[in-house]
């Protein structure tokens, strides 16, 4: 028992007897100011060898050897309550003379007008164990790379690990001791990390969920269970979640690479077979178009124009197919990423003007050089910038930001648009071959970009908050 309020508590003897009945397994004593023992729990009687009647006739100074009076110990306890190792201690002397070392806490009570002291005993080993457990619990919540939530029966958050606050995107002091209904009030009930059913005995094991805070999206695995007291009553619950975003991303990357490799092999084997007849068809159509033009057959000439445009579209599709297979003429060299970007800014700006989009470029000087193919890198930047511009048909701002991640050793380029964003149910699929939200798109542009960056040892990540999308291209530097 530990009381941390230095006020007097007024109780009746009947209330005190009820307390002792409930605390029969604990070592507790009631002693008055004169050192007379009034009550003792069974635990104390068994340890001391005294009967209930004998112990009330035994002076406290004979039963317990302590270094000061109870009043002095009481004051000492409340001035040193933060450290278990500094709690008052002494020896309980049994009837047969055997001494037992104890630490104890003290509560001062007013029984009518009489001052009483309640002593809650704890032996040294139990105290050390509790101290170690408390230290471990504090260190666990502070240092462990897991999200941990501790919840009481009022569905209130009583403790949270540092990693959990990072994943949730919330400040510890803003959510501690608050209802989880309030904490997740902005999230639809079906998407909340914690449901009230957890307090009814609901258990989760490796439950996969997605969570998006204000800046990042996480793939999580959740475990949860209830906490019970010694009588088996539920007193709370815990939720533990692990961030498996990188693992899931790696798994998806491998699957996507396998699909791209298969498509690339098919493309490499069939592209030339498609191109040869297309070349013949295109040549004869150009002749026919010229003939129609000379003879004034305007309607037939327009038909030929449409067919030629479609043939050009097929040719572009075949070119993208070929890029899905590993490029055969890649020239890796040391290049300066800002130099590459500045070389294509006029092209990007001209495209932006057509869509009434403002281009904003935030340069970062003295970035380290990377090993990459310059032309391929241009293709990636142009493709993603073009996608961003087309995502703002009513105008907006396209922002290109250069930066360096010294911890992971990456040169990064963020390309952010202010469009309508990418829906959550779509964002996982945008790098899949043939997936597109455009009416005339092939669904191969981002797949090709990802393949190019992966071959350079880098990554492309995307985040969307519902009011814009950011693509981050990261390329390692030596």
Protein backbone atom coordinates (compact mmCIF):
# COMPACT_ATOMS: atom_id res chain seq x y z
CA UNK A 1 0.00 0.00 0.00
CA UNK A 2 1.37 3.38 -0.94
CA UNK A 3 -0.33 6.67 -0.08
CA UNK A 4 1.08 9.91 -1.50
CA UNK A 5 -1.10 12.54 0.16
CA UNK A 6 0.16 13.92 3.48
CA UNK A 7 -3.33 14.70 4.75
CA UNK A 8 -5.06 13.00 7.68
CA UNK A 9 -7.83 10.53 6.88
CA UNK A 10 -10.83 10.21 9.23
CA UNK A 11 -12.27 6.67 9.42
CA UNK A 12 -14.31 4.57 11.82
CA UNK A 13 -13.16 1.38 13.53
CA UNK A 14 -15.75 -0.56 11.52
CA UNK A 15 -14.33 0.77 8.27
CA UNK A 16 -10.88 -0.16 9.49
CA UNK A 17 -11.97 -3.74 10.27
CA UNK A 18 -13.48 -4.06 6.76
CA UNK A 19 -10.20 -2.83 5.25
CA UNK A 20 -8.28 -5.44 7.21
CA UNK A 21 -10.70 -8.19 6.18
CA UNK A 22 -10.06 -7.34 2.52
CA UNK A 23 -6.30 -7.12 3.14
CA UNK A 24 -5.89 -10.41 4.99
CA UNK A 25 -2.91 -11.46 2.84
CA UNK A 26 -1.09 -8.14 3.25
CA UNK A 27 1.21 -7.18 6.10
CA UNK A 28 -0.61 -4.32 7.82
CA UNK A 29 -0.66 -2.86 11.33
CA UNK A 30 -2.74 -0.18 13.08
CA UNK A 31 -0.75 1.53 15.84
CA UNK A 32 -1.75 4.52 17.98
CA UNK A 33 0.50 7.42 18.95
CA UNK A 34 1.42 5.71 22.23
CA UNK A 35 2.81 2.69 20.39
CA UNK A 36 -0.14 0.37 21.19
CA UNK A 37 -1.01 -2.12 18.43
CA UNK A 38 -4.77 -2.09 17.76
CA UNK A 39 -5.09 -4.37 14.71
CA UNK A 40 -2.86 -6.71 12.70
CA UNK A 41 -3.57 -8.73 9.56
CA UNK A 42 -3.24 -12.51 9.46
CA UNK A 43 -0.02 -12.15 7.51
CA UNK A 44 1.61 -10.30 10.44
CA UNK A 45 0.19 -12.76 13.00
CA UNK A 46 1.50 -15.75 11.07
CA UNK A 47 4.95 -14.23 10.61
CA UNK A 48 5.30 -13.01 14.19
CA UNK A 49 3.87 -16.10 15.89
CA UNK A 50 1.57 -13.99 18.07
CA UNK A 51 -2.18 -14.51 18.38
CA UNK A 52 -4.58 -11.63 17.67
CA UNK A 53 -5.01 -11.05 21.41
CA UNK A 54 -1.28 -11.36 22.21
CA UNK A 55 -0.20 -8.87 19.56
CA UNK A 56 -2.54 -6.15 20.89
CA UNK A 57 -0.83 -6.56 24.27
CA UNK A 58 2.66 -6.35 22.73
CA UNK A 59 4.24 -2.86 22.51
CA UNK A 60 5.05 -1.75 18.99
CA UNK A 61 8.67 -1.12 20.05
CA UNK A 62 8.94 -4.80 20.97
CA UNK A 63 7.41 -6.07 17.74
CA UNK A 64 9.17 -3.65 15.38
CA UNK A 65 12.69 -2.31 15.68
CA UNK A 66 12.78 1.03 13.85
CA UNK A 67 15.13 3.96 14.01
CA UNK A 68 12.66 6.73 14.93
CA UNK A 69 9.18 7.39 16.26
CA UNK A 70 6.14 6.75 14.05
CA UNK A 71 5.52 10.50 13.73
CA UNK A 72 9.12 11.06 12.55
CA UNK A 73 8.89 8.09 10.19
CA UNK A 74 5.61 9.40 8.80
CA UNK A 75 7.21 12.75 8.02
CA UNK A 76 10.25 11.00 6.58
CA UNK A 77 8.06 8.88 4.29
CA UNK A 78 6.24 11.84 2.78
CA UNK A 79 9.45 13.78 2.20
CA UNK A 80 11.08 10.82 0.39
CA UNK A 81 8.14 9.18 -1.35
CA UNK A 82 9.67 9.07 -4.81
CA UNK A 83 12.35 6.46 -4.09
CA UNK A 84 11.37 3.01 -2.92
CA UNK A 85 14.88 2.32 -1.60
CA UNK A 86 14.51 5.27 0.84
CA UNK A 87 11.21 4.16 2.39
CA UNK A 88 11.23 3.59 6.16
CA UNK A 89 12.55 0.18 7.15
CA UNK A 90 13.11 -1.93 10.23
CA UNK A 91 13.01 -5.46 11.67
CA UNK A 92 9.91 -7.35 12.72
CA UNK A 93 10.88 -9.47 15.75
CA UNK A 94 8.89 -12.70 15.93
CA UNK A 95 7.78 -14.32 19.20
CA UNK A 96 10.64 -16.81 18.91
CA UNK A 97 13.19 -13.99 18.42
CA UNK A 98 13.66 -14.37 14.64
CA UNK A 99 14.12 -11.03 12.86
CA UNK A 100 12.55 -10.20 9.45
CA UNK A 101 13.67 -7.13 7.50
CA UNK A 102 10.83 -4.99 6.17
CA UNK A 103 10.21 -1.78 4.30
CA UNK A 104 6.90 -0.06 4.91
CA UNK A 105 4.75 2.92 4.02
CA UNK A 106 2.72 4.91 6.53
CA UNK A 107 -0.69 6.54 6.46
CA UNK A 108 -1.86 8.73 9.33
CA UNK A 109 -5.55 8.31 10.25
CA UNK A 110 -7.94 10.11 12.60
CA UNK A 111 -10.12 7.61 14.51
CA UNK A 112 -12.49 10.08 16.09
CA UNK A 113 -10.06 12.46 17.78
CA UNK A 114 -7.37 9.86 18.18
CA UNK A 115 -4.35 9.72 15.85
CA UNK A 116 -3.57 6.29 14.38
CA UNK A 117 -0.87 5.09 12.02
CA UNK A 118 -1.46 2.43 9.37
CA UNK A 119 1.71 0.60 8.40
CA UNK A 120 1.77 -1.39 5.12
CA UNK A 121 4.67 -3.85 5.24
CA UNK A 122 6.76 -5.08 2.33
CA UNK A 123 9.77 -7.34 2.66
CA UNK A 124 13.04 -6.39 0.98
CA UNK A 125 12.84 -8.93 -1.86
CA UNK A 126 9.31 -7.91 -2.81
CA UNK A 127 10.31 -4.25 -2.74
CA UNK A 128 13.32 -4.87 -4.96
CA UNK A 129 11.22 -6.90 -7.41
CA UNK A 130 8.60 -4.18 -7.66
CA UNK A 131 11.30 -1.59 -8.10
CA UNK A 132 12.90 -3.57 -10.94
CA UNK A 133 9.52 -4.18 -12.58
CA UNK A 134 8.68 -0.50 -12.40
CA UNK A 135 12.05 0.44 -13.84
CA UNK A 136 11.61 -2.13 -16.63
CA UNK A 137 8.09 -0.87 -17.38
CA UNK A 138 9.29 2.73 -17.61
CA UNK A 139 12.25 1.79 -19.82
CA UNK A 140 10.05 -0.42 -22.00
CA UNK A 141 7.59 2.37 -22.76
CA UNK A 142 10.39 4.87 -23.30
CA UNK A 143 12.87 2.86 -25.37
CA UNK A 144 11.01 0.03 -27.13
CA UNK A 145 10.44 0.48 -30.86
CA UNK A 146 6.80 -0.57 -30.51
CA UNK A 147 3.57 1.33 -30.16
CA UNK A 148 2.09 0.56 -26.73
CA UNK A 149 -1.23 1.83 -25.35
CA UNK A 150 -2.42 1.09 -21.79
CA UNK A 151 -6.14 1.56 -21.24
CA UNK A 152 -8.24 1.49 -18.06
CA UNK A 153 -11.86 0.39 -17.65
CA UNK A 154 -13.11 3.92 -18.39
CA UNK A 155 -11.60 3.56 -21.88
CA UNK A 156 -9.02 6.19 -20.90
CA UNK A 157 -5.41 6.17 -22.07
CA UNK A 158 -3.26 5.88 -18.92
CA UNK A 159 0.13 5.43 -20.60
CA UNK A 160 1.63 5.43 -24.08
CA UNK A 161 5.05 4.63 -25.53
CA UNK A 162 7.11 7.21 -27.40
CA UNK A 163 6.92 5.20 -30.62
CA UNK A 164 3.11 5.15 -30.41
CA UNK A 165 2.97 8.96 -30.27
CA UNK A 166 5.22 9.15 -33.35
CA UNK A 167 3.04 6.76 -35.35
CA UNK A 168 -0.21 8.37 -34.22
CA UNK A 169 1.18 11.83 -34.94
CA UNK A 170 0.04 13.09 -31.54
CA UNK A 171 1.72 14.75 -28.57
CA UNK A 172 1.91 12.66 -25.39
CA UNK A 173 0.67 15.44 -23.12
CA UNK A 174 -2.34 16.05 -25.38
CA UNK A 175 -3.66 12.46 -25.24
CA UNK A 176 -2.59 11.10 -21.83
CA UNK A 177 -5.49 10.54 -19.40
CA UNK A 178 -8.04 11.28 -22.12
CA UNK A 179 -10.80 9.06 -23.46
CA UNK A 180 -9.87 7.14 -26.60
CA UNK A 181 -13.22 8.23 -28.04
CA UNK A 182 -11.95 11.82 -27.85
CA UNK A 183 -8.44 10.95 -29.06
CA UNK A 184 -9.79 9.27 -32.22
CA UNK A 185 -12.88 11.46 -32.61
CA UNK A 186 -11.78 12.62 -36.09
CA UNK A 187 -11.41 9.03 -37.34
CA UNK A 188 -14.43 6.98 -38.51
CA UNK A 189 -15.27 4.34 -35.91
CA UNK A 190 -14.51 1.44 -38.24
CA UNK A 191 -10.98 2.78 -38.81
CA UNK A 192 -10.05 3.53 -35.18
CA UNK A 193 -7.08 1.59 -33.85
CA UNK A 194 -8.83 0.68 -30.58
CA UNK A 195 -12.45 -0.42 -30.09
CA UNK A 196 -14.32 -0.52 -26.78
CA UNK A 197 -14.84 -4.27 -27.26
CA UNK A 198 -11.23 -4.70 -26.16
CA UNK A 199 -12.42 -4.19 -22.55
CA UNK A 200 -14.89 -7.06 -22.93
CA UNK A 201 -12.15 -9.61 -23.49
CA UNK A 202 -11.54 -9.16 -27.22
CA UNK A 203 -8.11 -10.45 -28.25
CA UNK A 204 -6.23 -9.54 -31.43
CA UNK A 205 -3.13 -11.24 -32.82
CA UNK A 206 -1.20 -9.88 -35.82
CA UNK A 207 -4.18 -7.84 -36.99
CA UNK A 208 -3.12 -5.82 -40.05
CA UNK A 209 -4.29 -2.20 -40.30
CA UNK A 210 -3.27 0.93 -42.15
CA UNK A 211 -2.87 4.23 -40.32
CA UNK A 212 -2.24 7.68 -41.77
CA UNK A 213 -1.22 10.61 -39.59
CA UNK A 214 -0.72 14.15 -40.86
CA UNK A 215 2.48 13.35 -42.77
CA UNK A 216 3.02 9.59 -43.14
CA UNK A 217 1.19 6.36 -43.82
CA UNK A 218 1.99 3.24 -41.77
CA UNK A 219 1.23 -0.44 -42.15
CA UNK A 220 0.77 -1.88 -38.65
CA UNK A 221 0.36 -5.28 -36.99
CA UNK A 222 -1.75 -5.07 -33.81
CA UNK A 223 -1.84 -7.31 -30.73
CA UNK A 224 -4.21 -6.64 -27.84
CA UNK A 225 -5.44 -8.32 -24.69
CA UNK A 226 -7.02 -7.53 -21.33
CA UNK A 227 -5.23 -7.06 -18.01
CA UNK A 228 -6.65 -8.86 -14.96
CA UNK A 229 -6.13 -8.61 -11.21
CA UNK A 230 -5.35 -11.53 -8.89
CA UNK A 231 -9.07 -12.42 -8.69
CA UNK A 232 -9.44 -12.63 -12.47
CA UNK A 233 -11.34 -9.35 -12.85
CA UNK A 234 -10.59 -7.25 -15.93
CA UNK A 235 -8.92 -4.00 -14.83
CA UNK A 236 -7.77 -2.68 -18.20
CA UNK A 237 -6.26 -3.61 -21.53
CA UNK A 238 -3.21 -3.05 -23.66
CA UNK A 239 -2.58 -2.61 -27.38
CA UNK A 240 0.82 -3.24 -28.96
CA UNK A 241 1.44 -2.37 -32.60
CA UNK A 242 4.50 -2.79 -34.76
CA UNK A 243 5.38 -0.72 -37.81
CA UNK A 244 5.83 -3.14 -40.74
CA UNK A 245 5.64 -0.49 -43.47
CA UNK A 246 9.12 -1.24 -44.81
CA UNK A 247 8.47 -4.98 -44.75
CA UNK A 248 5.18 -4.61 -46.62
CA UNK A 249 6.79 -2.19 -49.07
CA UNK A 250 9.61 -4.65 -49.72
CA UNK A 251 7.15 -7.48 -50.26
CA UNK A 252 5.09 -5.39 -52.69
CA UNK A 253 8.28 -4.24 -54.42
CA UNK A 254 9.39 -7.84 -55.01
CA UNK A 255 5.96 -8.82 -56.33
CA UNK A 256 5.84 -5.76 -58.58
CA UNK A 257 9.36 -6.42 -59.85
CA UNK A 258 8.39 -9.99 -60.72
CA UNK A 259 5.39 -8.75 -62.69
CA UNK A 260 7.49 -6.11 -64.45
CA UNK A 261 10.14 -8.67 -65.33
CA UNK A 262 7.53 -10.98 -66.84
CA UNK A 263 5.94 -8.16 -68.82
CA UNK A 264 9.38 -6.99 -69.91
CA UNK A 265 10.30 -10.42 -71.23
CA UNK A 266 7.06 -10.61 -73.19
CA UNK A 267 7.54 -7.07 -74.47
CA UNK A 268 11.12 -7.70 -75.59
CA UNK A 269 10.02 -10.75 -77.56
CA UNK A 270 6.98 -9.24 -79.24
CA UNK A 271 7.77 -5.53 -79.68
CA UNK A 272 9.65 -5.98 -82.95
CA UNK A 273 6.96 -8.31 -84.30
CA UNK A 274 4.40 -5.57 -83.61
CA UNK A 275 6.53 -2.75 -84.96
CA UNK A 276 7.27 -4.34 -88.36
CA UNK A 277 3.62 -4.54 -89.58
CA UNK A 278 2.91 -1.13 -87.96
CA UNK A 279 5.70 0.41 -90.02
CA UNK A 280 4.19 -0.95 -93.24
CA UNK A 281 0.67 0.16 -92.28
CA UNK A 282 1.89 3.63 -91.34
CA UNK A 283 3.81 4.00 -94.61
CA UNK A 284 0.85 3.08 -96.83
CA UNK A 285 -1.50 5.29 -94.80
CA UNK A 286 0.80 8.27 -95.30
CA UNK A 287 0.69 7.59 -99.07
CA UNK A 288 -3.11 7.35 -98.97
CA UNK A 289 -3.37 10.55 -96.96
CA UNK A 290 -1.28 12.38 -99.55
CA UNK A 291 -3.45 10.99 -102.36
CA UNK A 292 -6.65 12.01 -100.59
CA UNK A 293 -5.21 15.49 -100.07
CA UNK A 294 -4.25 15.87 -103.76
CA UNK A 295 -7.65 14.68 -104.95
CA UNK A 296 -9.52 16.91 -102.49
CA UNK A 297 -11.05 14.00 -100.60
CA UNK A 298 -11.21 15.87 -97.29
CA UNK A 299 -13.37 13.31 -95.46
CA UNK A 300 -11.17 10.36 -96.40
CA UNK A 301 -8.06 12.38 -95.52
CA UNK A 302 -9.45 12.99 -91.98
CA UNK A 303 -9.98 9.23 -91.57
CA UNK A 304 -6.36 8.63 -92.51
CA UNK A 305 -5.24 11.26 -89.95
CA UNK A 306 -7.14 9.47 -87.19
CA UNK A 307 -5.60 6.11 -88.12
CA UNK A 308 -2.10 7.58 -88.20
CA UNK A 309 -2.59 9.11 -84.73
CA UNK A 310 -3.70 5.74 -83.38
CA UNK A 311 -0.67 4.04 -84.94
CA UNK A 312 1.61 6.61 -83.28
CA UNK A 313 -0.13 5.85 -79.99
CA UNK A 314 0.52 2.13 -80.44
CA UNK A 315 4.18 2.89 -81.16
CA UNK A 316 4.47 4.89 -77.93
CA UNK A 317 2.91 2.01 -76.03
CA UNK A 318 5.42 -0.42 -77.54
CA UNK A 319 8.27 1.92 -76.52
CA UNK A 320 7.02 1.91 -72.91
CA UNK A 321 6.78 -1.88 -73.05
CA UNK A 322 10.42 -2.07 -74.06
CA UNK A 323 11.43 0.12 -71.14
CA UNK A 324 9.87 -2.39 -68.72
CA UNK A 325 12.64 -4.82 -69.55
CA UNK A 326 15.97 -3.90 -67.99
CA UNK A 327 17.56 -1.17 -70.14
CA UNK A 328 20.39 -2.56 -72.19
CA UNK A 329 22.24 0.68 -72.88
CA UNK A 330 22.29 2.30 -69.46
CA UNK A 331 25.23 4.61 -68.80
CA UNK A 332 25.85 4.95 -65.07
CA UNK A 333 28.09 7.85 -64.12
CA UNK A 334 28.56 10.41 -61.37
CA UNK A 335 25.99 13.12 -61.90
CA UNK A 336 24.72 16.21 -60.12
CA UNK A 337 20.95 15.87 -59.53
CA UNK A 338 20.29 19.65 -59.34
CA UNK A 339 22.04 20.06 -62.70
CA UNK A 340 19.73 17.45 -64.24
CA UNK A 341 16.67 19.15 -62.82
CA UNK A 342 17.67 22.63 -63.95
CA UNK A 343 18.22 21.29 -67.46
CA UNK A 344 14.59 20.17 -67.77
CA UNK A 345 12.92 23.01 -65.83
CA UNK A 346 12.05 24.95 -69.04
CA UNK A 347 10.22 21.87 -70.40
CA UNK A 348 8.33 21.40 -67.12
CA UNK A 349 7.49 25.11 -66.95
CA UNK A 350 6.09 25.15 -70.50
CA UNK A 351 3.84 22.20 -69.64
CA UNK A 352 2.77 23.94 -66.43
CA UNK A 353 1.78 27.13 -68.30
CA UNK A 354 -0.60 25.13 -70.50
CA UNK A 355 -2.51 24.01 -67.40
CA UNK A 356 -2.34 27.37 -65.60
CA UNK A 357 -0.01 25.82 -63.00
CA UNK A 358 2.64 27.80 -61.12
CA UNK A 359 6.04 26.08 -60.90
CA UNK A 360 8.02 26.56 -57.70
CA UNK A 361 11.60 25.25 -57.49
CA UNK A 362 13.46 25.10 -54.16
CA UNK A 363 17.12 24.42 -54.87
CA UNK A 364 19.62 22.96 -52.44
CA UNK A 365 23.24 23.66 -53.25
CA UNK A 366 26.29 21.46 -52.70
CA UNK A 367 24.35 18.19 -52.81
CA UNK A 368 26.55 15.08 -53.10
CA UNK A 369 26.78 13.43 -56.52
CA UNK A 370 24.97 10.17 -57.24
CA UNK A 371 25.66 7.24 -59.56
CA UNK A 372 22.86 7.18 -62.12
CA UNK A 373 21.91 7.36 -65.80
CA UNK A 374 21.33 11.00 -66.66
CA UNK A 375 18.81 10.48 -69.46
CA UNK A 376 16.82 7.92 -67.50
CA UNK A 377 16.71 10.27 -64.52
CA UNK A 378 15.38 13.03 -66.77
CA UNK A 379 12.62 10.70 -67.94
CA UNK A 380 11.60 9.97 -64.32
CA UNK A 381 11.46 13.66 -63.32
CA UNK A 382 9.57 14.64 -66.49
CA UNK A 383 7.03 11.84 -66.10
CA UNK A 384 6.23 12.53 -62.44
CA UNK A 385 6.10 16.32 -62.96
CA UNK A 386 3.78 15.82 -65.94
CA UNK A 387 1.49 13.61 -63.81
CA UNK A 388 1.45 16.28 -61.09
CA UNK A 389 0.58 19.05 -63.55
CA UNK A 390 -2.22 16.99 -65.14
CA UNK A 391 -3.62 16.34 -61.63
CA UNK A 392 -4.44 20.09 -61.42
CA UNK A 393 -6.75 20.76 -64.39
CA UNK A 394 -8.06 23.91 -62.69
CA UNK A 395 -4.59 25.25 -61.93
CA UNK A 396 -2.45 25.09 -58.82
CA UNK A 397 1.18 24.90 -57.76
CA UNK A 398 3.81 22.28 -58.55
CA UNK A 399 6.69 22.42 -56.06
CA UNK A 400 10.05 20.72 -56.61
CA UNK A 401 12.28 20.51 -53.54
CA UNK A 402 15.85 19.22 -53.39
CA UNK A 403 17.25 17.89 -50.11
CA UNK A 404 19.67 15.37 -48.67
CA UNK A 405 19.07 12.63 -46.09
CA UNK A 406 22.44 12.33 -44.36
CA UNK A 407 21.23 9.56 -42.03
CA UNK A 408 20.18 7.17 -44.82
CA UNK A 409 22.63 8.76 -47.32
CA UNK A 410 20.11 9.66 -50.01
CA UNK A 411 19.73 12.63 -52.31
CA UNK A 412 15.98 13.28 -52.38
CA UNK A 413 13.68 15.23 -54.68
CA UNK A 414 10.13 15.97 -53.54
CA UNK A 415 7.59 16.72 -56.27
CA UNK A 416 4.38 18.07 -54.72
CA UNK A 417 1.15 19.07 -56.43
CA UNK A 418 -1.92 20.78 -54.98
CA UNK A 419 -4.43 18.60 -56.79
CA UNK A 420 -7.29 16.60 -55.31
CA UNK A 421 -4.94 13.87 -54.01
CA UNK A 422 -4.95 10.12 -54.48
CA UNK A 423 -7.67 8.11 -52.67
CA UNK A 424 -6.42 5.69 -50.01
CA UNK A 425 -7.91 2.68 -51.81
CA UNK A 426 -5.92 3.57 -54.95
CA UNK A 427 -2.56 4.71 -53.60
CA UNK A 428 -1.24 1.14 -53.17
CA UNK A 429 -1.86 0.36 -56.84
CA UNK A 430 -0.42 3.34 -58.66
CA UNK A 431 2.90 1.59 -59.42
CA UNK A 432 1.18 -1.55 -60.74
CA UNK A 433 1.57 -2.09 -64.49
CA UNK A 434 -1.52 -1.02 -66.49
CA UNK A 435 -3.21 0.66 -63.52
CA UNK A 436 -4.28 4.18 -64.41
CA UNK A 437 -6.96 6.71 -63.48
CA UNK A 438 -6.59 8.59 -66.78
CA UNK A 439 -8.98 8.01 -69.66
CA UNK A 440 -6.12 7.84 -72.18
CA UNK A 441 -3.33 6.55 -69.91
CA UNK A 442 -1.49 3.25 -70.38
CA UNK A 443 -0.71 2.68 -66.72
CA UNK A 444 2.96 2.07 -67.49
CA UNK A 445 4.55 5.47 -66.78
CA UNK A 446 4.99 5.10 -63.01
CA UNK A 447 5.93 1.42 -63.36
CA UNK A 448 8.74 2.42 -65.71
CA UNK A 449 9.85 5.24 -63.37
CA UNK A 450 9.95 2.89 -60.41
CA UNK A 451 11.95 0.33 -62.38
CA UNK A 452 14.50 2.96 -63.41
CA UNK A 453 14.98 4.28 -59.85
CA UNK A 454 15.18 0.77 -58.38
CA UNK A 455 17.92 -0.11 -60.87
CA UNK A 456 19.84 2.87 -59.45
CA UNK A 457 19.38 1.50 -55.91
CA UNK A 458 16.85 4.15 -54.97
CA UNK A 459 13.17 4.36 -54.07
CA UNK A 460 10.04 6.27 -55.05
CA UNK A 461 7.50 6.92 -52.32
CA UNK A 462 4.15 8.64 -52.51
CA UNK A 463 2.01 10.32 -49.85
CA UNK A 464 -1.36 11.97 -50.29
CA UNK A 465 -3.38 13.83 -47.67
CA UNK A 466 -6.52 14.36 -49.71
CA UNK A 467 -5.51 17.87 -50.80
CA UNK A 468 -2.32 17.16 -52.71
CA UNK A 469 0.22 14.47 -53.53
CA UNK A 470 3.95 14.27 -52.93
CA UNK A 471 6.30 11.93 -54.78
CA UNK A 472 9.72 11.52 -53.16
CA UNK A 473 12.53 10.19 -55.37
CA UNK A 474 15.52 9.03 -53.28
CA UNK A 475 18.84 8.08 -54.87
CA UNK A 476 21.78 6.81 -52.78
CA UNK A 477 25.08 8.63 -52.77
CA UNK A 478 28.49 7.21 -51.91
